[in-house]
């Protein structure tokens, strides 16, 4: 199972972490991947200057709300 963790610390929250997490949740559901992807949140990942921080199976990424759909298609669906 793929694990996606989104930072919900204050800096990422200000930069759109909630929108990123909600969009990922919707994309996972729309693509019927609920049984293949675990989505969770965590507090500060320590890279606050880099936007909304998230990890996919431990690999770090920085994603803005505007980039979520493209990120999902390339980095998530592309790895399943």
Protein backbone atom coordinates (compact mmCIF):
# COMPACT_ATOMS: atom_id res chain seq x y z
CA UNK A 1 0.00 0.00 0.00
CA UNK A 2 1.29 3.46 -0.94
CA UNK A 3 1.44 5.93 1.95
CA UNK A 4 0.98 9.68 1.41
CA UNK A 5 1.55 12.01 4.36
CA UNK A 6 0.67 15.71 4.14
CA UNK A 7 2.14 18.27 6.54
CA UNK A 8 -0.56 20.17 8.39
CA UNK A 9 1.80 22.35 10.43
CA UNK A 10 1.16 26.10 10.57
CA UNK A 11 3.43 27.13 7.67
CA UNK A 12 2.04 24.48 5.31
CA UNK A 13 -1.48 25.19 6.53
CA UNK A 14 -1.08 28.83 5.46
CA UNK A 15 0.19 27.69 2.04
CA UNK A 16 -2.81 25.46 1.38
CA UNK A 17 -2.24 22.10 3.12
CA UNK A 18 -5.96 21.65 3.69
CA UNK A 19 -6.74 22.13 -0.02
CA UNK A 20 -3.91 19.76 -0.98
CA UNK A 21 -5.12 17.06 1.42
CA UNK A 22 -8.77 17.42 0.38
CA UNK A 23 -7.92 17.30 -3.32
CA UNK A 24 -5.74 14.23 -2.82
CA UNK A 25 -8.55 12.55 -0.88
CA UNK A 26 -10.99 13.28 -3.72
CA UNK A 27 -8.57 12.12 -6.43
CA UNK A 28 -7.90 8.88 -4.55
CA UNK A 29 -11.64 8.25 -4.27
CA UNK A 30 -12.44 9.30 -7.86
CA UNK A 31 -9.80 6.86 -9.14
CA UNK A 32 -11.03 4.03 -6.87
CA UNK A 33 -7.66 3.80 -5.13
CA UNK A 34 -8.88 3.85 -1.51
CA UNK A 35 -7.65 0.29 -1.01
CA UNK A 36 -4.21 1.05 -2.49
CA UNK A 37 -3.34 4.44 -0.95
CA UNK A 38 -3.23 5.51 2.68
CA UNK A 39 -3.54 9.29 3.16
CA UNK A 40 -2.61 10.83 6.49
CA UNK A 41 -1.45 14.09 8.05
CA UNK A 42 1.47 15.01 10.25
CA UNK A 43 2.82 18.11 11.89
CA UNK A 44 5.92 19.98 10.74
CA UNK A 45 8.31 18.13 8.43
CA UNK A 46 10.99 20.78 8.98
CA UNK A 47 11.05 22.21 5.45
CA UNK A 48 8.69 25.11 6.01
CA UNK A 49 10.08 27.34 3.23
CA UNK A 50 9.22 24.76 0.57
CA UNK A 51 5.46 25.09 0.48
CA UNK A 52 3.02 22.36 1.33
CA UNK A 53 5.26 19.43 2.25
CA UNK A 54 4.26 15.85 1.70
CA UNK A 55 5.86 12.45 1.41
CA UNK A 56 4.98 9.52 -0.81
CA UNK A 57 6.39 6.32 0.65
CA UNK A 58 8.97 8.43 2.50
CA UNK A 59 10.09 10.52 -0.52
CA UNK A 60 9.72 14.27 0.07
CA UNK A 61 7.80 16.60 -2.25
CA UNK A 62 6.59 20.18 -2.15
CA UNK A 63 3.17 20.70 -3.77
CA UNK A 64 0.95 23.76 -4.05
CA UNK A 65 -2.83 23.45 -4.27
CA UNK A 66 -2.60 24.32 -7.99
CA UNK A 67 -0.17 21.46 -8.63
CA UNK A 68 -2.07 18.66 -6.90
CA UNK A 69 -3.87 17.18 -9.91
CA UNK A 70 -0.72 17.03 -12.08
CA UNK A 71 1.28 15.70 -9.12
CA UNK A 72 -1.29 12.97 -8.56
CA UNK A 73 -1.26 11.89 -12.20
CA UNK A 74 2.53 11.78 -12.48
CA UNK A 75 3.88 10.86 -9.05
CA UNK A 76 1.05 8.74 -7.67
CA UNK A 77 -0.86 7.09 -10.50
CA UNK A 78 2.39 6.78 -12.40
CA UNK A 79 3.85 4.62 -9.61
CA UNK A 80 0.92 2.27 -9.10
